[in-house]
N, C-alpha and C. Protein backbone atom coordinates (compact mmCIF):
# COMPACT_ATOMS: atom_id res chain seq x y z
N MET A 1 84.34 47.76 74.24
CA MET A 1 84.90 48.29 73.04
C MET A 1 84.65 49.79 72.93
N ARG A 2 85.60 50.49 72.35
CA ARG A 2 85.49 51.93 72.16
C ARG A 2 84.82 52.26 70.85
N ARG A 3 84.06 53.32 70.91
CA ARG A 3 83.46 53.79 69.66
C ARG A 3 84.22 55.00 69.17
N PHE A 4 84.50 55.02 67.95
CA PHE A 4 85.17 56.15 67.34
C PHE A 4 84.24 56.80 66.34
N SER A 5 84.46 58.05 66.13
CA SER A 5 83.63 58.80 65.19
C SER A 5 83.86 58.26 63.78
N GLN A 6 82.80 58.21 63.02
CA GLN A 6 82.88 57.73 61.66
C GLN A 6 83.50 58.79 60.75
N ARG A 7 83.36 60.07 61.13
CA ARG A 7 83.82 61.15 60.26
C ARG A 7 85.33 61.32 60.29
N SER A 8 85.91 61.18 61.44
CA SER A 8 87.33 61.44 61.54
C SER A 8 87.96 60.49 62.53
N SER A 9 89.22 60.29 62.36
CA SER A 9 89.89 59.39 63.29
C SER A 9 90.36 60.12 64.55
N LEU A 10 90.28 61.47 64.55
CA LEU A 10 90.68 62.25 65.72
C LEU A 10 89.51 62.38 66.69
N VAL A 11 89.80 62.23 67.95
CA VAL A 11 88.79 62.37 68.97
C VAL A 11 89.04 63.69 69.71
N THR A 12 88.02 64.54 69.84
CA THR A 12 88.19 65.81 70.54
C THR A 12 87.64 65.69 71.95
N LEU A 13 88.30 66.37 72.85
CA LEU A 13 87.84 66.39 74.23
C LEU A 13 86.85 67.53 74.39
N SER A 14 85.73 67.25 74.98
CA SER A 14 84.72 68.30 75.18
C SER A 14 84.69 68.78 76.62
N GLU A 15 85.55 68.27 77.46
CA GLU A 15 85.61 68.67 78.86
C GLU A 15 86.98 69.25 79.18
N ILE A 16 86.98 70.26 80.04
CA ILE A 16 88.22 70.88 80.49
C ILE A 16 88.42 70.51 81.94
N ASN A 17 89.60 70.06 82.26
CA ASN A 17 89.92 69.71 83.64
C ASN A 17 90.24 71.00 84.40
N VAL A 18 89.39 71.40 85.35
CA VAL A 18 89.55 72.66 86.06
C VAL A 18 90.34 72.52 87.36
N THR A 19 90.70 71.33 87.73
CA THR A 19 91.43 71.13 88.99
C THR A 19 92.75 71.90 89.01
N PRO A 20 93.59 71.83 87.96
CA PRO A 20 94.83 72.62 88.02
C PRO A 20 94.56 74.13 88.07
N LEU A 21 93.50 74.59 87.42
CA LEU A 21 93.18 76.02 87.47
C LEU A 21 92.77 76.44 88.88
N LEU A 22 92.01 75.61 89.55
CA LEU A 22 91.63 75.92 90.93
C LEU A 22 92.84 75.92 91.85
N ASP A 23 93.75 74.97 91.65
CA ASP A 23 94.97 74.95 92.45
C ASP A 23 95.76 76.24 92.27
N LEU A 24 95.89 76.68 91.03
CA LEU A 24 96.61 77.92 90.75
C LEU A 24 95.91 79.12 91.39
N ALA A 25 94.59 79.15 91.31
CA ALA A 25 93.84 80.27 91.89
C ALA A 25 94.04 80.32 93.41
N PHE A 26 94.01 79.19 94.07
CA PHE A 26 94.20 79.18 95.52
C PHE A 26 95.63 79.58 95.91
N VAL A 27 96.61 79.15 95.15
CA VAL A 27 98.00 79.54 95.44
C VAL A 27 98.16 81.04 95.28
N LEU A 28 97.60 81.62 94.20
CA LEU A 28 97.69 83.07 94.01
C LEU A 28 96.95 83.82 95.11
N LEU A 29 95.82 83.32 95.52
CA LEU A 29 95.07 83.95 96.61
C LEU A 29 95.88 83.98 97.90
N ILE A 30 96.53 82.88 98.22
CA ILE A 30 97.35 82.81 99.42
C ILE A 30 98.53 83.78 99.33
N ILE A 31 99.16 83.84 98.16
CA ILE A 31 100.29 84.76 97.98
C ILE A 31 99.83 86.20 98.17
N PHE A 32 98.69 86.58 97.60
CA PHE A 32 98.21 87.95 97.74
C PHE A 32 97.80 88.26 99.18
N ILE A 33 97.24 87.31 99.87
CA ILE A 33 96.86 87.52 101.27
C ILE A 33 98.10 87.75 102.13
N ILE A 34 99.17 87.06 101.84
CA ILE A 34 100.40 87.19 102.64
C ILE A 34 101.13 88.50 102.31
N THR A 35 101.19 88.88 101.03
CA THR A 35 102.00 90.04 100.64
C THR A 35 101.29 91.38 100.78
N THR A 36 99.98 91.42 100.77
CA THR A 36 99.25 92.70 100.84
C THR A 36 99.57 93.49 102.11
N PRO A 37 99.57 92.90 103.30
CA PRO A 37 99.91 93.71 104.48
C PRO A 37 101.33 94.27 104.43
N LEU A 38 102.25 93.59 103.78
CA LEU A 38 103.61 94.09 103.68
C LEU A 38 103.70 95.31 102.78
N LEU A 39 102.83 95.42 101.80
CA LEU A 39 102.86 96.54 100.86
C LEU A 39 102.21 97.79 101.43
N GLU A 40 101.41 97.67 102.46
CA GLU A 40 100.67 98.81 102.98
C GLU A 40 101.43 99.59 104.05
N GLN A 41 102.66 99.26 104.30
CA GLN A 41 103.43 100.01 105.29
C GLN A 41 103.92 101.30 104.66
N SER A 42 104.34 102.22 105.48
CA SER A 42 104.81 103.50 105.00
C SER A 42 106.07 103.33 104.16
N ILE A 43 106.25 104.25 103.23
CA ILE A 43 107.42 104.17 102.37
C ILE A 43 108.63 104.71 103.12
N GLU A 44 109.80 104.28 102.72
CA GLU A 44 111.05 104.69 103.36
C GLU A 44 111.49 106.02 102.76
N LEU A 45 111.50 107.07 103.57
CA LEU A 45 111.93 108.39 103.13
C LEU A 45 113.04 108.89 104.02
N LYS A 46 113.96 109.64 103.43
CA LYS A 46 114.99 110.31 104.20
C LYS A 46 114.66 111.79 104.14
N LEU A 47 114.09 112.32 105.22
CA LEU A 47 113.68 113.71 105.26
C LEU A 47 114.87 114.62 105.53
N PRO A 48 114.83 115.83 104.97
CA PRO A 48 115.89 116.78 105.28
C PRO A 48 115.77 117.23 106.73
N THR A 49 116.89 117.67 107.31
CA THR A 49 116.86 118.13 108.70
C THR A 49 116.52 119.61 108.74
N GLY A 50 116.04 120.05 109.88
CA GLY A 50 115.74 121.46 110.05
C GLY A 50 114.37 121.64 110.65
N GLY A 51 113.94 122.87 110.69
CA GLY A 51 112.61 123.17 111.22
C GLY A 51 112.63 123.36 112.72
N ARG A 52 111.49 123.71 113.24
CA ARG A 52 111.35 123.89 114.68
C ARG A 52 110.10 123.15 115.13
N PRO A 53 110.01 122.88 116.42
CA PRO A 53 108.80 122.19 116.90
C PRO A 53 107.55 123.00 116.61
N GLU A 54 106.48 122.30 116.35
CA GLU A 54 105.25 122.99 115.99
C GLU A 54 104.26 122.99 117.14
N LYS A 55 103.25 123.81 116.98
CA LYS A 55 102.18 123.87 117.97
C LYS A 55 101.31 122.62 117.81
N PRO A 56 100.70 122.18 118.90
CA PRO A 56 99.84 121.00 118.79
C PRO A 56 98.65 121.26 117.87
N VAL A 57 98.31 120.24 117.07
CA VAL A 57 97.16 120.30 116.18
C VAL A 57 96.30 119.06 116.40
N ASP A 58 95.06 119.16 115.99
CA ASP A 58 94.14 118.02 116.08
C ASP A 58 94.50 117.03 114.97
N ARG A 59 94.85 115.82 115.33
CA ARG A 59 95.30 114.81 114.37
C ARG A 59 94.22 114.45 113.35
N ARG A 60 92.95 114.69 113.68
CA ARG A 60 91.87 114.39 112.73
C ARG A 60 91.86 115.36 111.56
N ASP A 61 92.47 116.54 111.74
CA ASP A 61 92.52 117.54 110.68
C ASP A 61 93.73 117.36 109.77
N VAL A 62 94.59 116.40 110.05
CA VAL A 62 95.84 116.25 109.32
C VAL A 62 95.76 115.09 108.32
N LYS A 63 96.17 115.36 107.09
CA LYS A 63 96.35 114.33 106.07
C LYS A 63 97.81 114.40 105.63
N THR A 64 98.44 113.24 105.48
CA THR A 64 99.85 113.19 105.15
C THR A 64 100.04 112.74 103.71
N VAL A 65 100.77 113.55 102.94
CA VAL A 65 101.14 113.22 101.57
C VAL A 65 102.63 112.91 101.59
N GLU A 66 102.99 111.74 101.04
CA GLU A 66 104.40 111.35 100.96
C GLU A 66 104.79 111.25 99.50
N ILE A 67 106.01 111.68 99.20
CA ILE A 67 106.52 111.65 97.83
C ILE A 67 107.83 110.89 97.84
N SER A 68 107.89 109.81 97.08
CA SER A 68 109.10 109.00 97.04
C SER A 68 110.12 109.62 96.09
N THR A 69 111.33 109.08 96.10
CA THR A 69 112.38 109.60 95.21
C THR A 69 112.03 109.36 93.75
N GLN A 70 111.22 108.34 93.46
CA GLN A 70 110.83 108.04 92.08
C GLN A 70 109.63 108.87 91.62
N GLY A 71 109.03 109.64 92.52
CA GLY A 71 107.90 110.48 92.15
C GLY A 71 106.55 109.84 92.37
N TYR A 72 106.48 108.81 93.20
CA TYR A 72 105.20 108.20 93.52
C TYR A 72 104.57 108.97 94.68
N TYR A 73 103.27 109.18 94.58
CA TYR A 73 102.54 109.93 95.59
C TYR A 73 101.75 108.96 96.47
N TYR A 74 101.74 109.23 97.77
CA TYR A 74 101.01 108.42 98.74
C TYR A 74 100.19 109.36 99.61
N LEU A 75 98.92 109.02 99.79
CA LEU A 75 98.07 109.77 100.71
C LEU A 75 97.68 108.82 101.83
N ASP A 76 98.13 109.14 103.04
CA ASP A 76 97.92 108.28 104.19
C ASP A 76 98.33 106.84 103.89
N ARG A 77 99.51 106.70 103.33
CA ARG A 77 100.16 105.42 103.04
C ARG A 77 99.52 104.61 101.92
N ARG A 78 98.67 105.22 101.13
CA ARG A 78 98.08 104.54 99.98
C ARG A 78 98.56 105.24 98.71
N ARG A 79 99.10 104.46 97.79
CA ARG A 79 99.63 105.04 96.56
C ARG A 79 98.49 105.59 95.71
N THR A 80 98.73 106.75 95.10
CA THR A 80 97.71 107.42 94.30
C THR A 80 98.38 108.24 93.21
N SER A 81 97.61 108.62 92.21
CA SER A 81 98.14 109.50 91.17
C SER A 81 97.99 110.95 91.64
N LEU A 82 98.65 111.85 90.94
CA LEU A 82 98.60 113.26 91.32
C LEU A 82 97.18 113.82 91.16
N ASP A 83 96.48 113.44 90.09
CA ASP A 83 95.11 113.93 89.88
C ASP A 83 94.16 113.40 90.95
N ASP A 84 94.29 112.12 91.30
CA ASP A 84 93.45 111.55 92.35
C ASP A 84 93.77 112.18 93.71
N LEU A 85 95.05 112.45 93.93
CA LEU A 85 95.46 113.11 95.17
C LEU A 85 94.81 114.49 95.28
N GLU A 86 94.85 115.25 94.20
CA GLU A 86 94.23 116.58 94.20
C GLU A 86 92.73 116.48 94.45
N ARG A 87 92.07 115.58 93.76
CA ARG A 87 90.62 115.42 93.91
C ARG A 87 90.26 115.06 95.35
N THR A 88 91.02 114.15 95.95
CA THR A 88 90.75 113.72 97.32
C THR A 88 90.98 114.86 98.31
N LEU A 89 92.08 115.59 98.13
CA LEU A 89 92.37 116.70 99.05
C LEU A 89 91.32 117.80 98.94
N VAL A 90 90.84 118.07 97.73
CA VAL A 90 89.80 119.09 97.56
C VAL A 90 88.53 118.66 98.28
N ASN A 91 88.14 117.40 98.12
CA ASN A 91 86.94 116.91 98.80
C ASN A 91 87.09 116.95 100.32
N LEU A 92 88.27 116.58 100.81
CA LEU A 92 88.52 116.63 102.25
C LEU A 92 88.51 118.06 102.77
N HIS A 93 89.04 118.99 101.97
CA HIS A 93 89.07 120.39 102.38
C HIS A 93 87.66 120.99 102.42
N ARG A 94 86.81 120.57 101.47
CA ARG A 94 85.42 121.04 101.50
C ARG A 94 84.70 120.53 102.74
N ALA A 95 84.98 119.28 103.12
CA ALA A 95 84.32 118.70 104.30
C ALA A 95 84.89 119.26 105.60
N ASP A 96 86.18 119.60 105.60
CA ASP A 96 86.84 120.09 106.80
C ASP A 96 87.74 121.28 106.44
N PRO A 97 87.26 122.52 106.59
CA PRO A 97 88.06 123.69 106.23
C PRO A 97 89.34 123.84 107.06
N ASP A 98 89.44 123.15 108.19
CA ASP A 98 90.64 123.21 109.03
C ASP A 98 91.69 122.19 108.61
N LEU A 99 91.53 121.59 107.44
CA LEU A 99 92.45 120.56 106.96
C LEU A 99 93.88 121.10 106.87
N ILE A 100 94.81 120.31 107.38
CA ILE A 100 96.24 120.61 107.27
C ILE A 100 96.87 119.46 106.51
N VAL A 101 97.63 119.78 105.47
CA VAL A 101 98.29 118.76 104.66
C VAL A 101 99.76 118.74 105.04
N TYR A 102 100.22 117.60 105.57
CA TYR A 102 101.64 117.41 105.83
C TYR A 102 102.25 116.80 104.58
N ILE A 103 103.30 117.43 104.07
CA ILE A 103 103.96 116.93 102.87
C ILE A 103 105.34 116.43 103.27
N ARG A 104 105.55 115.12 103.08
CA ARG A 104 106.84 114.50 103.39
C ARG A 104 107.47 114.09 102.07
N ALA A 105 108.56 114.75 101.70
CA ALA A 105 109.26 114.45 100.45
C ALA A 105 110.68 114.03 100.77
N ASP A 106 111.14 113.00 100.09
CA ASP A 106 112.51 112.53 100.29
C ASP A 106 113.49 113.61 99.88
N GLU A 107 114.54 113.80 100.67
CA GLU A 107 115.51 114.86 100.37
C GLU A 107 116.28 114.61 99.09
N ASN A 108 116.34 113.38 98.63
CA ASN A 108 117.05 113.06 97.39
C ASN A 108 116.13 113.03 96.18
N GLY A 109 114.85 113.30 96.37
CA GLY A 109 113.89 113.30 95.27
C GLY A 109 113.96 114.60 94.48
N LEU A 110 113.31 114.59 93.32
CA LEU A 110 113.27 115.79 92.49
C LEU A 110 112.24 116.77 93.04
N ASN A 111 112.58 118.04 92.99
CA ASN A 111 111.68 119.06 93.53
C ASN A 111 110.40 119.21 92.73
N LYS A 112 110.42 118.80 91.45
CA LYS A 112 109.22 119.00 90.63
C LYS A 112 108.02 118.23 91.18
N PHE A 113 108.26 117.10 91.82
CA PHE A 113 107.16 116.33 92.41
C PHE A 113 106.58 117.07 93.63
N LEU A 114 107.46 117.66 94.42
CA LEU A 114 107.03 118.45 95.57
C LEU A 114 106.29 119.70 95.13
N TYR A 115 106.82 120.38 94.13
CA TYR A 115 106.20 121.60 93.64
C TYR A 115 104.82 121.32 93.06
N ALA A 116 104.64 120.17 92.44
CA ALA A 116 103.34 119.82 91.87
C ALA A 116 102.28 119.71 92.96
N VAL A 117 102.63 119.11 94.09
CA VAL A 117 101.67 118.97 95.20
C VAL A 117 101.36 120.35 95.79
N ILE A 118 102.38 121.16 96.01
CA ILE A 118 102.16 122.50 96.57
C ILE A 118 101.29 123.33 95.63
N ASP A 119 101.56 123.26 94.33
CA ASP A 119 100.79 124.01 93.34
C ASP A 119 99.32 123.58 93.34
N ARG A 120 99.08 122.28 93.38
CA ARG A 120 97.70 121.78 93.38
C ARG A 120 96.97 122.22 94.66
N CYS A 121 97.67 122.23 95.78
CA CYS A 121 97.04 122.69 97.03
C CYS A 121 96.67 124.16 96.93
N GLN A 122 97.60 124.99 96.47
CA GLN A 122 97.36 126.42 96.41
C GLN A 122 96.28 126.79 95.41
N ARG A 123 96.23 126.10 94.27
CA ARG A 123 95.21 126.38 93.26
C ARG A 123 93.81 126.09 93.77
N ASN A 124 93.70 125.16 94.71
CA ASN A 124 92.39 124.77 95.22
C ASN A 124 92.07 125.37 96.58
N GLY A 125 92.85 126.36 97.01
CA GLY A 125 92.55 127.06 98.25
C GLY A 125 92.99 126.34 99.51
N ILE A 126 93.79 125.31 99.38
CA ILE A 126 94.31 124.62 100.57
C ILE A 126 95.61 125.32 100.94
N THR A 127 95.51 126.24 101.88
CA THR A 127 96.67 127.06 102.23
C THR A 127 97.39 126.57 103.48
N ARG A 128 96.77 125.65 104.18
CA ARG A 128 97.42 125.14 105.40
C ARG A 128 98.11 123.82 105.06
N PHE A 129 99.38 123.92 104.71
CA PHE A 129 100.18 122.72 104.49
C PHE A 129 101.53 122.94 105.13
N SER A 130 102.19 121.84 105.44
CA SER A 130 103.46 121.91 106.15
C SER A 130 104.45 120.96 105.50
N LEU A 131 105.62 121.47 105.17
CA LEU A 131 106.69 120.63 104.64
C LEU A 131 107.41 120.00 105.82
N ARG A 132 107.39 118.69 105.90
CA ARG A 132 107.93 117.99 107.07
C ARG A 132 109.43 117.75 106.91
N THR A 133 110.15 117.89 108.02
CA THR A 133 111.59 117.65 108.06
C THR A 133 111.91 116.83 109.30
N GLU A 134 113.12 116.33 109.33
CA GLU A 134 113.61 115.66 110.54
C GLU A 134 114.02 116.73 111.54
N PRO A 135 113.72 116.56 112.82
CA PRO A 135 114.16 117.55 113.80
C PRO A 135 115.69 117.55 113.88
N PRO A 136 116.29 118.71 114.13
CA PRO A 136 117.74 118.76 114.25
C PRO A 136 118.21 117.91 115.43
N LYS A 137 119.38 117.32 115.26
CA LYS A 137 119.94 116.48 116.33
C LYS A 137 120.45 117.38 117.44
N ARG A 138 120.15 116.98 118.68
CA ARG A 138 120.61 117.74 119.84
C ARG A 138 121.99 117.27 120.24
N LEU A 139 122.81 118.19 120.61
CA LEU A 139 124.14 117.84 121.10
C LEU A 139 124.07 117.41 122.56
N PRO A 140 124.79 116.39 122.95
CA PRO A 140 124.72 115.92 124.35
C PRO A 140 125.39 116.86 125.32
């Protein structure tokens, strides 16, 4: 026979079934594990053409800043804000005075995003930066 509370005819549950919550957590974990490597690839940019071949540089001294058409900033393929980008570049420049910043901006993006990066570099004494372009096509 069941016992019911004398005070009320309603019975409250004092236990929570956590099995569905664990199932949801594992599904989300699997989804994040699968999608994270796909998000870390370089962004798709259409660089303007022009420029000339450059002299060889030490790749350890180079940091690449990419600017998407929507104005998102990426430092070495990791998305960052403009303030964090500036802080990181200043710290890298202090550690390595030979730092060269490659700036890759989409040709269809707004110039204000590009100018903001150049301005932040110049204000902090980072004078070695290069605006990257696609090499001109050679005629056969």
